Amino acid sequence: MNVDLDLVKSVLDKRGDEIEKSVAGTGYLAKTVIGVGTFLLDNEGNCDLLTAKQKVVFEKFLKPLLDHPCHTGTDR
């Protein structure tokens, strides 16, 4: 599975607040989610290259943000 690289870049650049909110209270760090997103950007969006732990982070935190690109944040 490949992801939309422009969308990943947009989430990482403009929706950091949403990343922070999504990990709050989970024990995961925002920088972990950002790292997975950066890894995808560096590897042309190829999810097959993610480790098992990276896939969990992607599915749990990044994919929901990619599936819902519209938000009501103040950064748009």
N, C-alpha and C. Protein backbone atom coordinates (compact mmCIF):
# COMPACT_ATOMS: atom_id res chain seq x y z
N MET A 1 0.84 -1.18 0.00
CA MET A 1 0.00 0.00 0.00
C MET A 1 0.89 1.25 0.00
N ASN A 2 0.55 2.18 -0.85
CA ASN A 2 1.23 3.46 -0.89
C ASN A 2 0.29 4.54 -0.39
N VAL A 3 0.85 5.57 0.20
CA VAL A 3 0.04 6.67 0.70
C VAL A 3 0.33 7.94 -0.10
N ASP A 4 -0.57 8.89 0.00
CA ASP A 4 -0.45 10.17 -0.68
C ASP A 4 0.64 10.99 0.02
N LEU A 5 1.77 11.16 -0.64
CA LEU A 5 2.91 11.85 -0.03
C LEU A 5 2.61 13.32 0.27
N ASP A 6 1.85 13.96 -0.59
CA ASP A 6 1.50 15.36 -0.33
C ASP A 6 0.65 15.48 0.93
N LEU A 7 -0.23 14.53 1.11
CA LEU A 7 -1.09 14.54 2.30
C LEU A 7 -0.27 14.26 3.56
N VAL A 8 0.65 13.31 3.49
CA VAL A 8 1.51 13.03 4.63
C VAL A 8 2.31 14.28 4.99
N LYS A 9 2.89 14.92 3.99
CA LYS A 9 3.68 16.13 4.24
C LYS A 9 2.81 17.22 4.86
N SER A 10 1.60 17.36 4.38
CA SER A 10 0.68 18.36 4.92
C SER A 10 0.35 18.07 6.39
N VAL A 11 0.08 16.82 6.70
CA VAL A 11 -0.22 16.44 8.09
C VAL A 11 0.97 16.75 8.98
N LEU A 12 2.16 16.39 8.55
CA LEU A 12 3.35 16.63 9.36
C LEU A 12 3.65 18.12 9.53
N ASP A 13 3.45 18.88 8.46
CA ASP A 13 3.79 20.30 8.49
C ASP A 13 2.73 21.18 9.16
N LYS A 14 1.45 20.82 8.99
CA LYS A 14 0.39 21.74 9.39
C LYS A 14 -0.54 21.23 10.48
N ARG A 15 -0.42 19.96 10.85
CA ARG A 15 -1.38 19.40 11.80
C ARG A 15 -0.71 18.78 13.00
N GLY A 16 0.40 19.36 13.40
CA GLY A 16 1.13 18.86 14.57
C GLY A 16 0.27 18.86 15.82
N ASP A 17 -0.62 19.86 15.93
CA ASP A 17 -1.51 19.91 17.09
C ASP A 17 -2.42 18.70 17.14
N GLU A 18 -2.88 18.26 16.00
CA GLU A 18 -3.74 17.08 15.95
C GLU A 18 -2.96 15.80 16.26
N ILE A 19 -1.72 15.76 15.85
CA ILE A 19 -0.86 14.62 16.20
C ILE A 19 -0.69 14.57 17.71
N GLU A 20 -0.40 15.71 18.31
CA GLU A 20 -0.24 15.79 19.77
C GLU A 20 -1.50 15.32 20.48
N LYS A 21 -2.66 15.77 20.02
CA LYS A 21 -3.92 15.38 20.65
C LYS A 21 -4.18 13.89 20.50
N SER A 22 -3.83 13.33 19.34
CA SER A 22 -4.11 11.92 19.10
C SER A 22 -3.27 11.00 19.99
N VAL A 23 -2.08 11.41 20.36
CA VAL A 23 -1.22 10.56 21.20
C VAL A 23 -1.38 10.84 22.69
N ALA A 24 -2.04 11.92 23.04
CA ALA A 24 -2.19 12.29 24.45
C ALA A 24 -2.79 11.15 25.26
N GLY A 25 -2.08 10.79 26.32
CA GLY A 25 -2.56 9.75 27.22
C GLY A 25 -2.39 8.32 26.75
N THR A 26 -1.73 8.12 25.60
CA THR A 26 -1.60 6.77 25.06
C THR A 26 -0.25 6.12 25.39
N GLY A 27 0.70 6.92 25.84
CA GLY A 27 2.05 6.40 26.05
C GLY A 27 2.93 6.53 24.82
N TYR A 28 2.34 6.90 23.70
CA TYR A 28 3.11 7.15 22.48
C TYR A 28 3.51 8.62 22.44
N LEU A 29 4.56 8.91 21.69
CA LEU A 29 5.03 10.29 21.55
C LEU A 29 4.70 10.81 20.16
N ALA A 30 4.43 12.11 20.10
CA ALA A 30 4.16 12.75 18.80
C ALA A 30 5.35 12.57 17.87
N LYS A 31 6.57 12.63 18.43
CA LYS A 31 7.74 12.50 17.56
C LYS A 31 7.84 11.11 16.94
N THR A 32 7.23 10.12 17.56
CA THR A 32 7.19 8.78 16.98
C THR A 32 6.30 8.78 15.74
N VAL A 33 5.15 9.41 15.85
CA VAL A 33 4.23 9.52 14.72
C VAL A 33 4.87 10.32 13.60
N ILE A 34 5.52 11.41 13.95
CA ILE A 34 6.22 12.24 12.96
C ILE A 34 7.34 11.44 12.30
N GLY A 35 8.03 10.63 13.08
CA GLY A 35 9.09 9.80 12.53
C GLY A 35 8.58 8.79 11.52
N VAL A 36 7.44 8.19 11.80
CA VAL A 36 6.84 7.24 10.86
C VAL A 36 6.43 7.97 9.58
N GLY A 37 5.85 9.15 9.73
CA GLY A 37 5.48 9.95 8.56
C GLY A 37 6.69 10.33 7.73
N THR A 38 7.75 10.72 8.39
CA THR A 38 8.99 11.07 7.70
C THR A 38 9.58 9.87 6.98
N PHE A 39 9.52 8.71 7.63
CA PHE A 39 9.99 7.48 7.01
C PHE A 39 9.21 7.21 5.72
N LEU A 40 7.90 7.39 5.76
CA LEU A 40 7.08 7.19 4.57
C LEU A 40 7.47 8.17 3.47
N LEU A 41 7.70 9.42 3.83
CA LEU A 41 8.12 10.40 2.83
C LEU A 41 9.45 10.00 2.20
N ASP A 42 10.37 9.53 3.02
CA ASP A 42 11.69 9.13 2.52
C ASP A 42 11.65 7.88 1.65
N ASN A 43 10.59 7.08 1.83
CA ASN A 43 10.49 5.81 1.10
C ASN A 43 9.31 5.79 0.14
N GLU A 44 9.00 6.94 -0.42
CA GLU A 44 7.98 7.09 -1.45
C GLU A 44 6.61 6.56 -1.04
N GLY A 45 6.30 6.64 0.26
CA GLY A 45 4.98 6.25 0.75
C GLY A 45 4.72 4.76 0.79
N ASN A 46 5.76 3.97 0.68
CA ASN A 46 5.60 2.51 0.65
C ASN A 46 5.43 1.96 2.07
N CYS A 47 4.21 1.64 2.44
CA CYS A 47 3.91 1.11 3.78
C CYS A 47 4.48 -0.29 4.00
N ASP A 48 4.77 -0.98 2.93
CA ASP A 48 5.32 -2.33 3.06
C ASP A 48 6.70 -2.33 3.71
N LEU A 49 7.37 -1.18 3.72
CA LEU A 49 8.69 -1.09 4.32
C LEU A 49 8.66 -0.80 5.81
N LEU A 50 7.48 -0.52 6.35
CA LEU A 50 7.36 -0.23 7.78
C LEU A 50 7.57 -1.50 8.60
N THR A 51 8.21 -1.34 9.76
CA THR A 51 8.33 -2.46 10.70
C THR A 51 6.96 -2.69 11.33
N ALA A 52 6.83 -3.77 12.07
CA ALA A 52 5.56 -4.07 12.73
C ALA A 52 5.17 -2.95 13.69
N LYS A 53 6.11 -2.42 14.44
CA LYS A 53 5.81 -1.34 15.39
C LYS A 53 5.44 -0.06 14.64
N GLN A 54 6.12 0.22 13.55
CA GLN A 54 5.80 1.41 12.76
C GLN A 54 4.40 1.28 12.15
N LYS A 55 4.03 0.07 11.74
CA LYS A 55 2.69 -0.14 11.19
C LYS A 55 1.61 0.13 12.23
N VAL A 56 1.87 -0.26 13.47
CA VAL A 56 0.92 0.01 14.54
C VAL A 56 0.75 1.51 14.72
N VAL A 57 1.85 2.25 14.74
CA VAL A 57 1.80 3.70 14.88
C VAL A 57 1.07 4.32 13.70
N PHE A 58 1.37 3.85 12.50
CA PHE A 58 0.70 4.36 11.30
C PHE A 58 -0.80 4.14 11.38
N GLU A 59 -1.21 2.90 11.67
CA GLU A 59 -2.63 2.55 11.69
C GLU A 59 -3.38 3.28 12.80
N LYS A 60 -2.74 3.43 13.94
CA LYS A 60 -3.41 4.00 15.11
C LYS A 60 -3.48 5.53 15.09
N PHE A 61 -2.46 6.18 14.55
CA PHE A 61 -2.39 7.63 14.67
C PHE A 61 -2.34 8.38 13.33
N LEU A 62 -1.52 7.93 12.41
CA LEU A 62 -1.33 8.68 11.17
C LEU A 62 -2.44 8.43 10.16
N LYS A 63 -2.82 7.19 9.99
CA LYS A 63 -3.86 6.86 9.00
C LYS A 63 -5.18 7.59 9.27
N PRO A 64 -5.65 7.66 10.51
CA PRO A 64 -6.88 8.43 10.74
C PRO A 64 -6.77 9.89 10.32
N LEU A 65 -5.61 10.49 10.48
CA LEU A 65 -5.43 11.88 10.05
C LEU A 65 -5.39 11.98 8.53
N LEU A 66 -4.84 10.97 7.88
CA LEU A 66 -4.80 10.95 6.42
C LEU A 66 -6.19 10.68 5.84
N ASP A 67 -6.99 9.87 6.53
CA ASP A 67 -8.33 9.54 6.06
C ASP A 67 -9.30 10.72 6.20
N HIS A 68 -8.96 11.66 7.08
CA HIS A 68 -9.82 12.83 7.32
C HIS A 68 -9.00 14.09 7.15
N PRO A 69 -8.68 14.45 5.89
CA PRO A 69 -7.81 15.59 5.65
C PRO A 69 -8.42 16.93 6.04
N CYS A 70 -9.74 17.02 6.07
CA CYS A 70 -10.38 18.27 6.45
C CYS A 70 -10.52 18.31 7.96
N HIS A 71 -10.17 19.43 8.52
CA HIS A 71 -10.31 19.63 9.95
C HIS A 71 -10.65 21.08 10.22
N THR A 72 -10.92 21.38 11.45
CA THR A 72 -11.35 22.74 11.79
C THR A 72 -10.27 23.50 12.55
N GLY A 73 -9.03 23.12 12.33
CA GLY A 73 -7.93 23.79 13.01
C GLY A 73 -7.75 25.21 12.53
N THR A 74 -6.91 25.95 13.24
CA THR A 74 -6.68 27.36 12.92
C THR A 74 -5.53 27.56 11.95
N ASP A 75 -4.89 26.48 11.51
CA ASP A 75 -3.71 26.61 10.67
C ASP A 75 -4.04 26.60 9.19
N ARG A 76 -5.30 26.68 8.82
CA ARG A 76 -5.67 26.69 7.41
C ARG A 76 -6.17 28.03 7.01
